[in-house]
Amino acid sequence: MLTLYVYAAAREGEPWASDPRTLGLGVGKVAATMTLTERMLADRPEAVVLFGVAGAYPRGPEVGEVCLVTADWLADEGVITPGGFLALEDLSLGERGPYVADMMLTDVLDARLGRGLRRVVGATVSTCSGTDRRADERMAACPGVAVETMEGAAVGAVCAAFGVPWAQLRVISNRTGNRDLAGWDLEGALSRLHEAMDWLLPPAS
């Protein structure tokens, strides 16, 4: 199977920057959507694996933990009102997901890593949850979410539109909420991410 491995921030995919099996998307929903759509139109892969770091909501994975995201929401698509957040579906303006990852592909990743990784639901946002209040609002808007990123659901939406199976691997770099108390370990998370990807994407022969 010809699998395309995609990432957002340059440091996430730095060891494979020149590898034709990978694609740097750029950070955020718009960049991810545009870059991946262009690739799909030019040379559609058989599958897509998104990999990168993520923040974890309370009761989510621990900082440094490797996890698989099985479904992802466009968490902040809607309107903030004095009475609270109204999602697109509340306004009859569309749907936010969830965009469900391919379970067979997810199982393959898990088996290749040999870890029995935790499987979680993701929230994709344009503005990350740097306060406790914002984190609480996101969890209320998408019950059951455990991790937060800026691209997951966008990649899921593009893959759904093109009929391409996808999966998502994340390593937790911080907790959401108050950034001063987030327990950041970006360097450790990147190291663990690259360690996992060495198993999934060994040097081309």
N, C-alpha and C. Protein backbone atom coordinates (compact mmCIF):
# COMPACT_ATOMS: atom_id res chain seq x y z
N MET A 1 0.85 -1.19 0.00
CA MET A 1 0.00 0.00 0.00
C MET A 1 0.88 1.24 0.00
N LEU A 2 0.62 2.16 -0.89
CA LEU A 2 1.34 3.42 -0.95
C LEU A 2 0.74 4.38 0.08
N THR A 3 1.43 4.53 1.20
CA THR A 3 0.94 5.38 2.29
C THR A 3 1.71 6.69 2.30
N LEU A 4 0.99 7.79 2.42
CA LEU A 4 1.59 9.11 2.54
C LEU A 4 1.56 9.51 4.01
N TYR A 5 2.72 9.84 4.56
CA TYR A 5 2.83 10.27 5.95
C TYR A 5 2.90 11.79 5.99
N VAL A 6 1.97 12.41 6.70
CA VAL A 6 1.88 13.87 6.69
C VAL A 6 2.04 14.43 8.10
N TYR A 7 2.56 15.64 8.17
CA TYR A 7 2.78 16.31 9.45
C TYR A 7 2.55 17.80 9.25
N ALA A 8 2.38 18.52 10.35
CA ALA A 8 2.07 19.95 10.27
C ALA A 8 3.32 20.82 10.43
N ALA A 9 3.84 20.89 11.66
CA ALA A 9 5.00 21.73 11.94
C ALA A 9 6.28 21.08 11.43
N ALA A 10 7.22 21.90 10.97
CA ALA A 10 8.44 21.38 10.36
C ALA A 10 9.21 20.45 11.28
N ARG A 11 9.27 20.76 12.58
CA ARG A 11 10.07 19.95 13.50
C ARG A 11 9.48 18.55 13.69
N GLU A 12 8.17 18.41 13.48
CA GLU A 12 7.55 17.09 13.63
C GLU A 12 8.09 16.12 12.58
N GLY A 13 8.27 16.59 11.38
CA GLY A 13 8.72 15.70 10.30
C GLY A 13 10.13 15.95 9.84
N GLU A 14 10.90 16.71 10.61
CA GLU A 14 12.23 17.14 10.18
C GLU A 14 13.13 16.00 9.71
N PRO A 15 13.17 14.84 10.39
CA PRO A 15 14.07 13.78 9.90
C PRO A 15 13.70 13.24 8.53
N TRP A 16 12.49 13.49 8.07
CA TRP A 16 12.02 12.96 6.79
C TRP A 16 11.65 14.08 5.81
N ALA A 17 12.21 15.26 6.02
CA ALA A 17 11.81 16.43 5.23
C ALA A 17 12.00 16.22 3.73
N SER A 18 13.03 15.46 3.35
CA SER A 18 13.29 15.24 1.93
C SER A 18 12.79 13.89 1.43
N ASP A 19 12.08 13.17 2.29
CA ASP A 19 11.57 11.84 1.94
C ASP A 19 10.30 11.97 1.11
N PRO A 20 10.24 11.41 -0.08
CA PRO A 20 9.04 11.54 -0.93
C PRO A 20 7.81 10.85 -0.35
N ARG A 21 8.00 10.02 0.68
CA ARG A 21 6.86 9.36 1.31
C ARG A 21 6.15 10.26 2.31
N THR A 22 6.69 11.45 2.55
CA THR A 22 6.11 12.37 3.54
C THR A 22 5.70 13.68 2.88
N LEU A 23 4.86 14.43 3.61
CA LEU A 23 4.40 15.73 3.13
C LEU A 23 4.19 16.66 4.31
N GLY A 24 4.87 17.81 4.30
CA GLY A 24 4.64 18.83 5.30
C GLY A 24 3.42 19.66 4.92
N LEU A 25 2.45 19.71 5.81
CA LEU A 25 1.18 20.37 5.50
C LEU A 25 1.17 21.84 5.84
N GLY A 26 1.93 22.25 6.86
CA GLY A 26 1.76 23.56 7.45
C GLY A 26 0.80 23.46 8.62
N VAL A 27 0.85 24.46 9.50
CA VAL A 27 0.07 24.42 10.74
C VAL A 27 -1.32 25.02 10.53
N GLY A 28 -2.34 24.36 11.05
CA GLY A 28 -3.70 24.88 11.02
C GLY A 28 -4.57 24.19 9.99
N LYS A 29 -5.88 24.38 10.17
CA LYS A 29 -6.86 23.69 9.32
C LYS A 29 -6.78 24.10 7.85
N VAL A 30 -6.60 25.39 7.59
CA VAL A 30 -6.56 25.85 6.20
C VAL A 30 -5.34 25.32 5.48
N ALA A 31 -4.17 25.46 6.11
CA ALA A 31 -2.94 24.97 5.47
C ALA A 31 -3.02 23.47 5.23
N ALA A 32 -3.49 22.71 6.22
CA ALA A 32 -3.58 21.26 6.07
C ALA A 32 -4.53 20.89 4.94
N THR A 33 -5.68 21.54 4.89
CA THR A 33 -6.67 21.23 3.86
C THR A 33 -6.14 21.54 2.46
N MET A 34 -5.56 22.72 2.30
CA MET A 34 -5.09 23.12 0.97
C MET A 34 -3.94 22.24 0.49
N THR A 35 -2.96 22.01 1.35
CA THR A 35 -1.78 21.23 0.94
C THR A 35 -2.15 19.79 0.63
N LEU A 36 -2.96 19.18 1.48
CA LEU A 36 -3.33 17.79 1.25
C LEU A 36 -4.24 17.65 0.04
N THR A 37 -5.15 18.59 -0.17
CA THR A 37 -6.02 18.54 -1.36
C THR A 37 -5.20 18.64 -2.64
N GLU A 38 -4.23 19.54 -2.66
CA GLU A 38 -3.36 19.66 -3.83
C GLU A 38 -2.66 18.33 -4.13
N ARG A 39 -2.19 17.67 -3.08
CA ARG A 39 -1.51 16.39 -3.28
C ARG A 39 -2.48 15.32 -3.77
N MET A 40 -3.67 15.30 -3.20
CA MET A 40 -4.68 14.31 -3.63
C MET A 40 -5.00 14.47 -5.11
N LEU A 41 -5.11 15.69 -5.57
CA LEU A 41 -5.45 15.93 -6.97
C LEU A 41 -4.30 15.57 -7.90
N ALA A 42 -3.07 15.74 -7.42
CA ALA A 42 -1.91 15.47 -8.27
C ALA A 42 -1.48 14.01 -8.24
N ASP A 43 -1.53 13.39 -7.08
CA ASP A 43 -1.01 12.03 -6.93
C ASP A 43 -1.66 11.41 -5.68
N ARG A 44 -2.83 10.83 -5.86
CA ARG A 44 -3.60 10.34 -4.72
C ARG A 44 -2.95 9.10 -4.11
N PRO A 45 -2.65 9.12 -2.80
CA PRO A 45 -2.09 7.93 -2.14
C PRO A 45 -3.19 6.92 -1.85
N GLU A 46 -2.78 5.75 -1.43
CA GLU A 46 -3.75 4.72 -1.04
C GLU A 46 -4.20 4.89 0.40
N ALA A 47 -3.38 5.57 1.20
CA ALA A 47 -3.70 5.82 2.60
C ALA A 47 -2.89 7.01 3.09
N VAL A 48 -3.37 7.63 4.17
CA VAL A 48 -2.68 8.77 4.77
C VAL A 48 -2.52 8.53 6.27
N VAL A 49 -1.33 8.78 6.77
CA VAL A 49 -1.07 8.75 8.20
C VAL A 49 -0.59 10.13 8.64
N LEU A 50 -1.35 10.76 9.52
CA LEU A 50 -0.98 12.04 10.10
C LEU A 50 -0.23 11.78 11.40
N PHE A 51 0.93 12.41 11.57
CA PHE A 51 1.68 12.25 12.81
C PHE A 51 2.15 13.60 13.33
N GLY A 52 2.21 13.72 14.66
CA GLY A 52 2.64 14.98 15.26
C GLY A 52 2.45 14.97 16.76
N VAL A 53 2.63 16.14 17.37
CA VAL A 53 2.42 16.29 18.81
C VAL A 53 1.02 16.86 19.05
N ALA A 54 0.58 16.81 20.30
CA ALA A 54 -0.77 17.25 20.65
C ALA A 54 -0.80 17.67 22.11
N GLY A 55 -1.83 18.44 22.46
CA GLY A 55 -2.11 18.72 23.86
C GLY A 55 -3.15 17.75 24.37
N ALA A 56 -3.15 17.51 25.68
CA ALA A 56 -4.10 16.57 26.29
C ALA A 56 -5.03 17.31 27.23
N TYR A 57 -6.31 17.02 27.14
CA TYR A 57 -7.29 17.55 28.08
C TYR A 57 -7.17 16.82 29.42
N PRO A 58 -7.75 17.40 30.48
CA PRO A 58 -7.75 16.70 31.76
C PRO A 58 -8.33 15.28 31.61
N ARG A 59 -7.73 14.34 32.29
CA ARG A 59 -8.09 12.92 32.24
C ARG A 59 -7.72 12.28 30.90
N GLY A 60 -6.96 13.02 30.08
CA GLY A 60 -6.46 12.46 28.84
C GLY A 60 -5.11 11.81 29.04
N PRO A 61 -4.40 11.52 27.95
CA PRO A 61 -3.09 10.88 28.06
C PRO A 61 -2.10 11.76 28.83
N GLU A 62 -1.04 11.13 29.32
CA GLU A 62 0.00 11.84 30.05
C GLU A 62 0.97 12.52 29.07
N VAL A 63 1.63 13.56 29.52
CA VAL A 63 2.67 14.19 28.71
C VAL A 63 3.73 13.14 28.37
N GLY A 64 4.07 13.05 27.10
CA GLY A 64 5.03 12.06 26.62
C GLY A 64 4.40 10.79 26.11
N GLU A 65 3.10 10.61 26.33
CA GLU A 65 2.44 9.37 25.90
C GLU A 65 2.16 9.38 24.40
N VAL A 66 2.38 8.22 23.78
CA VAL A 66 2.06 8.02 22.37
C VAL A 66 0.64 7.47 22.28
N CYS A 67 -0.18 8.03 21.40
CA CYS A 67 -1.57 7.56 21.30
C CYS A 67 -2.03 7.61 19.85
N LEU A 68 -3.13 6.91 19.60
CA LEU A 68 -3.76 6.88 18.28
C LEU A 68 -5.12 7.57 18.37
N VAL A 69 -5.37 8.50 17.46
CA VAL A 69 -6.63 9.24 17.45
C VAL A 69 -7.58 8.54 16.49
N THR A 70 -8.69 8.06 17.01
CA THR A 70 -9.62 7.26 16.20
C THR A 70 -10.76 8.07 15.60
N ALA A 71 -10.98 9.27 16.10
CA ALA A 71 -12.01 10.16 15.56
C ALA A 71 -11.64 11.58 15.95
N ASP A 72 -12.03 12.55 15.13
CA ASP A 72 -11.60 13.93 15.38
C ASP A 72 -12.72 14.90 14.99
N TRP A 73 -12.93 15.89 15.86
CA TRP A 73 -13.97 16.90 15.68
C TRP A 73 -13.38 18.24 15.23
N LEU A 74 -14.11 18.97 14.40
CA LEU A 74 -13.84 20.40 14.18
C LEU A 74 -14.47 21.13 15.36
N ALA A 75 -13.72 21.24 16.44
CA ALA A 75 -14.31 21.56 17.73
C ALA A 75 -14.85 22.97 17.87
N ASP A 76 -14.24 23.94 17.20
CA ASP A 76 -14.64 25.33 17.45
C ASP A 76 -15.37 25.98 16.28
N GLU A 77 -15.97 25.16 15.42
CA GLU A 77 -16.74 25.71 14.31
C GLU A 77 -18.15 26.05 14.80
N GLY A 78 -18.42 27.33 14.95
CA GLY A 78 -19.72 27.76 15.46
C GLY A 78 -19.69 29.19 15.94
N VAL A 79 -20.51 29.49 16.93
CA VAL A 79 -20.65 30.86 17.45
C VAL A 79 -20.62 30.83 18.97
N ILE A 80 -19.84 31.75 19.55
CA ILE A 80 -19.87 31.93 21.00
C ILE A 80 -20.91 32.99 21.33
N THR A 81 -21.86 32.64 22.19
CA THR A 81 -22.95 33.54 22.57
C THR A 81 -22.91 33.75 24.08
N PRO A 82 -23.65 34.75 24.59
CA PRO A 82 -23.71 34.92 26.04
C PRO A 82 -24.18 33.68 26.78
N GLY A 83 -24.95 32.84 26.09
CA GLY A 83 -25.45 31.62 26.72
C GLY A 83 -24.55 30.42 26.53
N GLY A 84 -23.45 30.60 25.80
CA GLY A 84 -22.54 29.50 25.58
C GLY A 84 -22.23 29.28 24.10
N PHE A 85 -21.57 28.19 23.79
CA PHE A 85 -21.14 27.88 22.43
C PHE A 85 -22.25 27.19 21.66
N LEU A 86 -22.52 27.68 20.45
CA LEU A 86 -23.46 27.04 19.53
C LEU A 86 -22.67 26.49 18.36
N ALA A 87 -22.70 25.19 18.18
CA ALA A 87 -21.96 24.54 17.10
C ALA A 87 -22.70 24.68 15.78
N LEU A 88 -22.00 24.39 14.69
CA LEU A 88 -22.62 24.47 13.37
C LEU A 88 -23.92 23.71 13.29
N GLU A 89 -23.93 22.51 13.87
CA GLU A 89 -25.14 21.70 13.79
C GLU A 89 -26.28 22.31 14.60
N ASP A 90 -25.97 23.04 15.68
CA ASP A 90 -27.00 23.73 16.45
C ASP A 90 -27.66 24.84 15.63
N LEU A 91 -26.88 25.40 14.71
CA LEU A 91 -27.35 26.50 13.87
C LEU A 91 -27.87 26.03 12.52
N SER A 92 -27.90 24.73 12.31
CA SER A 92 -28.31 24.13 11.02
C SER A 92 -27.46 24.67 9.87
N LEU A 93 -26.15 24.83 10.14
CA LEU A 93 -25.25 25.36 9.13
C LEU A 93 -24.23 24.33 8.64
N GLY A 94 -24.31 23.11 9.15
CA GLY A 94 -23.36 22.09 8.74
C GLY A 94 -23.04 21.16 9.89
N GLU A 95 -21.98 20.40 9.74
CA GLU A 95 -21.57 19.44 10.76
C GLU A 95 -20.08 19.58 11.05
N ARG A 96 -19.70 19.24 12.27
CA ARG A 96 -18.29 19.32 12.68
C ARG A 96 -17.62 17.96 12.73
N GLY A 97 -18.31 16.92 12.35
CA GLY A 97 -17.75 15.58 12.42
C GLY A 97 -18.58 14.72 13.34
N PRO A 98 -17.97 13.71 13.96
CA PRO A 98 -16.52 13.46 13.93
C PRO A 98 -16.08 12.77 12.65
N TYR A 99 -14.83 13.00 12.27
CA TYR A 99 -14.20 12.33 11.15
C TYR A 99 -13.48 11.11 11.71
N VAL A 100 -13.94 9.94 11.31
CA VAL A 100 -13.49 8.70 11.92
C VAL A 100 -12.33 8.12 11.14
N ALA A 101 -11.26 7.80 11.85
CA ALA A 101 -10.10 7.18 11.23
C ALA A 101 -10.41 5.74 10.82
N ASP A 102 -9.64 5.25 9.88
CA ASP A 102 -9.80 3.88 9.41
C ASP A 102 -9.27 2.92 10.48
N MET A 103 -10.12 2.02 10.94
CA MET A 103 -9.73 1.15 12.05
C MET A 103 -8.70 0.10 11.62
N MET A 104 -8.78 -0.39 10.39
CA MET A 104 -7.79 -1.37 9.95
C MET A 104 -6.41 -0.74 9.88
N LEU A 105 -6.33 0.47 9.36
CA LEU A 105 -5.05 1.16 9.28
C LEU A 105 -4.54 1.49 10.68
N THR A 106 -5.44 1.91 11.56
CA THR A 106 -5.07 2.20 12.94
C THR A 106 -4.52 0.95 13.62
N ASP A 107 -5.18 -0.19 13.39
CA ASP A 107 -4.70 -1.46 13.95
C ASP A 107 -3.31 -1.82 13.42
N VAL A 108 -3.08 -1.55 12.15
CA VAL A 108 -1.77 -1.84 11.55
C VAL A 108 -0.68 -1.01 12.24
N LEU A 109 -0.95 0.28 12.44
CA LEU A 109 0.03 1.13 13.12
C LEU A 109 0.32 0.61 14.52
N ASP A 110 -0.74 0.27 15.24
CA ASP A 110 -0.58 -0.22 16.60
C ASP A 110 0.25 -1.50 16.62
N ALA A 111 -0.04 -2.40 15.70
CA ALA A 111 0.69 -3.66 15.65
C ALA A 111 2.16 -3.44 15.30
N ARG A 112 2.43 -2.53 14.38
CA ARG A 112 3.82 -2.28 13.98
C ARG A 112 4.61 -1.63 15.10
N LEU A 113 3.93 -0.83 15.93
CA LEU A 113 4.61 -0.23 17.07
C LEU A 113 4.66 -1.17 18.25
N GLY A 114 3.79 -2.20 18.24
CA GLY A 114 3.83 -3.25 19.24
C GLY A 114 3.59 -2.80 20.66
N ARG A 115 2.68 -1.83 20.83
CA ARG A 115 2.55 -1.23 22.15
C ARG A 115 1.16 -1.31 22.76
N GLY A 116 0.13 -1.61 22.00
CA GLY A 116 -1.23 -1.53 22.53
C GLY A 116 -1.53 -0.10 22.96
N LEU A 117 -1.33 0.83 22.05
CA LEU A 117 -1.42 2.25 22.38
C LEU A 117 -2.83 2.68 22.77
N ARG A 118 -2.91 3.69 23.62
CA ARG A 118 -4.21 4.25 23.98
C ARG A 118 -4.86 4.87 22.74
N ARG A 119 -6.16 4.68 22.62
CA ARG A 119 -6.92 5.24 21.50
C ARG A 119 -7.85 6.32 22.05
N VAL A 120 -7.83 7.47 21.38
CA VAL A 120 -8.51 8.64 21.92
C VAL A 120 -9.29 9.36 20.83
N VAL A 121 -10.16 10.28 21.26
CA VAL A 121 -10.89 11.16 20.36
C VAL A 121 -10.25 12.54 20.41
N GLY A 122 -10.14 13.17 19.25
CA GLY A 122 -9.46 14.46 19.16
C GLY A 122 -10.40 15.62 18.89
N ALA A 123 -9.93 16.80 19.28
CA ALA A 123 -10.60 18.06 18.97
C ALA A 123 -9.63 18.92 18.16
N THR A 124 -10.04 19.33 16.97
CA THR A 124 -9.22 20.18 16.12
C THR A 124 -9.70 21.61 16.24
N VAL A 125 -8.79 22.53 16.54
CA VAL A 125 -9.16 23.92 16.84
C VAL A 125 -8.29 24.88 16.05
N SER A 126 -8.79 26.11 15.93
CA SER A 126 -8.00 27.18 15.34
C SER A 126 -7.21 27.94 16.40
N THR A 127 -7.75 28.00 17.62
CA THR A 127 -7.09 28.65 18.74
C THR A 127 -6.95 27.62 19.86
N CYS A 128 -5.73 27.30 20.22
CA CYS A 128 -5.51 26.26 21.23
C CYS A 128 -5.99 26.72 22.61
N SER A 129 -6.30 25.75 23.45
CA SER A 129 -6.88 26.01 24.78
C SER A 129 -5.78 26.35 25.78
N GLY A 130 -5.44 27.64 25.88
CA GLY A 130 -4.41 28.08 26.79
C GLY A 130 -4.92 28.56 28.12
N THR A 131 -6.22 28.40 28.37
CA THR A 131 -6.81 28.71 29.67
C THR A 131 -7.69 27.54 30.09
N ASP A 132 -7.89 27.40 31.38
CA ASP A 132 -8.74 26.32 31.87
C ASP A 132 -10.17 26.46 31.35
N ARG A 133 -10.65 27.69 31.30
CA ARG A 133 -12.02 27.92 30.83
C ARG A 133 -12.19 27.46 29.39
N ARG A 134 -11.22 27.80 28.54
CA ARG A 134 -11.33 27.39 27.14
C ARG A 134 -11.27 25.87 27.01
N ALA A 135 -10.41 25.24 27.77
CA ALA A 135 -10.34 23.79 27.73
C ALA A 135 -11.66 23.16 28.16
N ASP A 136 -12.28 23.70 29.21
CA ASP A 136 -13.57 23.18 29.67
C ASP A 136 -14.64 23.36 28.60
N GLU A 137 -14.61 24.49 27.90
CA GLU A 137 -15.60 24.75 26.85
C GLU A 137 -15.44 23.75 25.71
N ARG A 138 -14.21 23.43 25.37
CA ARG A 138 -13.98 22.48 24.28
C ARG A 138 -14.45 21.09 24.65
N MET A 139 -14.19 20.68 25.89
CA MET A 139 -14.64 19.36 26.33
C MET A 139 -16.16 19.29 26.37
N ALA A 140 -16.82 20.40 26.73
CA ALA A 140 -18.27 20.42 26.75
C ALA A 140 -18.84 20.37 25.34
N ALA A 141 -18.14 21.02 24.39
CA ALA A 141 -18.62 21.06 23.00
C ALA A 141 -18.45 19.73 22.30
N CYS A 142 -17.47 18.94 22.74
CA CYS A 142 -17.19 17.64 22.11
C CYS A 142 -16.96 16.61 23.21
N PRO A 143 -18.03 16.10 23.80
CA PRO A 143 -17.87 15.15 24.91
C PRO A 143 -17.00 13.97 24.52
N GLY A 144 -16.11 13.61 25.44
CA GLY A 144 -15.26 12.46 25.21
C GLY A 144 -13.91 12.78 24.58
N VAL A 145 -13.69 14.04 24.18
CA VAL A 145 -12.40 14.35 23.57
C VAL A 145 -11.29 14.26 24.62
N ALA A 146 -10.12 13.83 24.16
CA ALA A 146 -8.99 13.66 25.07
C ALA A 146 -7.76 14.44 24.64
N VAL A 147 -7.65 14.75 23.34
CA VAL A 147 -6.49 15.48 22.85
C VAL A 147 -6.93 16.61 21.93
N GLU A 148 -6.03 17.59 21.79
CA GLU A 148 -6.32 18.77 20.99
C GLU A 148 -5.20 19.04 20.00
N THR A 149 -5.56 19.26 18.73
CA THR A 149 -4.59 19.60 17.70
C THR A 149 -5.18 20.70 16.82
N MET A 150 -4.43 21.07 15.79
CA MET A 150 -4.89 22.12 14.88
C MET A 150 -5.11 21.61 13.46
N GLU A 151 -4.98 20.28 13.24
CA GLU A 151 -5.10 19.76 11.87
C GLU A 151 -5.88 18.47 11.73
N GLY A 152 -6.06 17.69 12.80
CA GLY A 152 -6.57 16.33 12.68
C GLY A 152 -7.85 16.19 11.88
N ALA A 153 -8.89 16.93 12.27
CA ALA A 153 -10.17 16.79 11.59
C ALA A 153 -10.11 17.30 10.16
N ALA A 154 -9.25 18.28 9.89
CA ALA A 154 -9.10 18.78 8.53
C ALA A 154 -8.55 17.69 7.62
N VAL A 155 -7.54 16.97 8.10
CA VAL A 155 -7.00 15.86 7.33
C VAL A 155 -8.08 14.78 7.16
N GLY A 156 -8.82 14.50 8.22
CA GLY A 156 -9.90 13.53 8.12
C GLY A 156 -10.95 13.92 7.10
N ALA A 157 -11.27 15.21 7.04
CA ALA A 157 -12.29 15.70 6.09
C ALA A 157 -11.81 15.55 4.65
N VAL A 158 -10.55 15.89 4.40
CA VAL A 158 -10.02 15.75 3.04
C VAL A 158 -9.98 14.29 2.63
N CYS A 159 -9.52 13.43 3.53
CA CYS A 159 -9.47 12.01 3.19
C CYS A 159 -10.86 11.43 2.94
N ALA A 160 -11.84 11.86 3.73
CA ALA A 160 -13.22 11.41 3.51
C ALA A 160 -13.72 11.86 2.14
N ALA A 161 -13.42 13.08 1.76
CA ALA A 161 -13.88 13.60 0.47
C ALA A 161 -13.29 12.82 -0.70
N PHE A 162 -12.05 12.34 -0.54
CA PHE A 162 -11.38 11.63 -1.62
C PHE A 162 -11.47 10.11 -1.48
N GLY A 163 -12.13 9.65 -0.42
CA GLY A 163 -12.28 8.21 -0.23
C GLY A 163 -10.99 7.50 0.09
N VAL A 164 -10.10 8.17 0.83
CA VAL A 164 -8.79 7.60 1.18
C VAL A 164 -8.76 7.29 2.68
N PRO A 165 -8.44 6.07 3.07
CA PRO A 165 -8.36 5.75 4.50
C PRO A 165 -7.23 6.53 5.17
N TRP A 166 -7.45 6.86 6.44
CA TRP A 166 -6.45 7.65 7.16
C TRP A 166 -6.37 7.20 8.61
N ALA A 167 -5.26 7.53 9.23
CA ALA A 167 -5.06 7.27 10.66
C ALA A 167 -4.23 8.41 11.22
N GLN A 168 -4.19 8.50 12.56
CA GLN A 168 -3.51 9.63 13.20
C GLN A 168 -2.74 9.16 14.43
N LEU A 169 -1.46 9.48 14.45
CA LEU A 169 -0.57 9.16 15.57
C LEU A 169 -0.13 10.46 16.23
N ARG A 170 -0.29 10.54 17.56
CA ARG A 170 0.09 11.76 18.28
C ARG A 170 0.89 11.41 19.53
N VAL A 171 1.80 12.32 19.89
CA VAL A 171 2.52 12.24 21.15
C VAL A 171 2.20 13.50 21.94
N ILE A 172 1.89 13.35 23.21
CA ILE A 172 1.44 14.47 24.02
C ILE A 172 2.63 15.32 24.47
N SER A 173 2.58 16.60 24.13
CA SER A 173 3.66 17.53 24.48
C SER A 173 3.30 18.41 25.67
N ASN A 174 2.01 18.47 26.02
CA ASN A 174 1.57 19.36 27.09
C ASN A 174 0.13 19.04 27.46
N ARG A 175 -0.31 19.56 28.59
CA ARG A 175 -1.72 19.52 28.95
C ARG A 175 -2.38 20.82 28.49
N THR A 176 -3.65 20.76 28.16
CA THR A 176 -4.38 21.97 27.82
C THR A 176 -4.71 22.74 29.09
N GLY A 177 -5.24 23.95 28.89
CA GLY A 177 -5.55 24.81 30.04
C GLY A 177 -4.43 25.80 30.29
N ASN A 178 -4.36 26.31 31.48
CA ASN A 178 -3.38 27.32 31.87
C ASN A 178 -1.98 26.95 31.38
N ARG A 179 -1.43 27.73 30.46
CA ARG A 179 -0.16 27.38 29.83
C ARG A 179 1.00 27.35 30.82
N ASP A 180 0.88 28.13 31.90
CA ASP A 180 1.95 28.13 32.91
C ASP A 180 1.98 26.84 33.72
N LEU A 181 0.90 26.07 33.66
CA LEU A 181 0.81 24.83 34.42
C LEU A 181 0.66 23.61 33.51
N ALA A 182 1.04 23.76 32.25
CA ALA A 182 0.75 22.74 31.24
C ALA A 182 1.76 21.61 31.19
N GLY A 183 2.82 21.70 31.98
CA GLY A 183 3.79 20.60 32.01
C GLY A 183 4.47 20.35 30.68
N TRP A 184 4.82 21.41 29.97
CA TRP A 184 5.36 21.28 28.63
C TRP A 184 6.63 20.42 28.58
N ASP A 185 6.69 19.53 27.60
CA ASP A 185 7.91 18.79 27.28
C ASP A 185 7.91 18.55 25.78
N LEU A 186 8.06 19.63 25.02
CA LEU A 186 8.03 19.52 23.56
C LEU A 186 9.20 18.70 23.04
N GLU A 187 10.37 18.92 23.62
CA GLU A 187 11.54 18.18 23.13
C GLU A 187 11.38 16.68 23.37
N GLY A 188 10.88 16.33 24.55
CA GLY A 188 10.66 14.91 24.83
C GLY A 188 9.61 14.30 23.92
N ALA A 189 8.54 15.07 23.67
CA ALA A 189 7.48 14.57 22.79
C ALA A 189 7.99 14.37 21.37
N LEU A 190 8.78 15.32 20.88
CA LEU A 190 9.34 15.17 19.53
C LEU A 190 10.27 13.97 19.45
N SER A 191 11.05 13.75 20.49
CA SER A 191 11.94 12.59 20.51
C SER A 191 11.15 11.29 20.45
N ARG A 192 10.08 11.20 21.22
CA ARG A 192 9.26 9.98 21.22
C ARG A 192 8.52 9.82 19.89
N LEU A 193 8.09 10.95 19.32
CA LEU A 193 7.43 10.90 18.02
C LEU A 193 8.38 10.35 16.96
N HIS A 194 9.59 10.86 16.93
CA HIS A 194 10.55 10.40 15.93
C HIS A 194 10.96 8.95 16.16
N GLU A 195 11.01 8.55 17.42
CA GLU A 195 11.30 7.15 17.73
C GLU A 195 10.21 6.23 17.16
N ALA A 196 8.95 6.64 17.37
CA ALA A 196 7.84 5.84 16.83
C ALA A 196 7.87 5.82 15.31
N MET A 197 8.14 6.97 14.71
CA MET A 197 8.13 7.04 13.25
C MET A 197 9.28 6.27 12.64
N ASP A 198 10.38 6.10 13.37
CA ASP A 198 11.48 5.27 12.86
C ASP A 198 11.01 3.84 12.61
N TRP A 199 10.06 3.37 13.42
CA TRP A 199 9.49 2.03 13.23
C TRP A 199 8.54 2.01 12.04
N LEU A 200 7.79 3.08 11.86
CA LEU A 200 6.78 3.12 10.80
C LEU A 200 7.37 3.52 9.45
N LEU A 201 8.42 4.32 9.48
CA LEU A 201 8.95 4.88 8.24
C LEU A 201 10.48 4.73 8.22
N PRO A 202 10.96 3.50 8.14
CA PRO A 202 12.42 3.29 8.10
C PRO A 202 13.00 3.88 6.82
N PRO A 203 14.31 4.10 6.79
CA PRO A 203 14.94 4.67 5.59
C PRO A 203 14.59 3.88 4.35
N ALA A 204 14.34 4.59 3.26
CA ALA A 204 14.01 3.94 1.99
C ALA A 204 15.23 3.20 1.47
N SER A 205 15.01 2.02 0.94
CA SER A 205 16.13 1.21 0.42
C SER A 205 16.52 1.67 -0.98
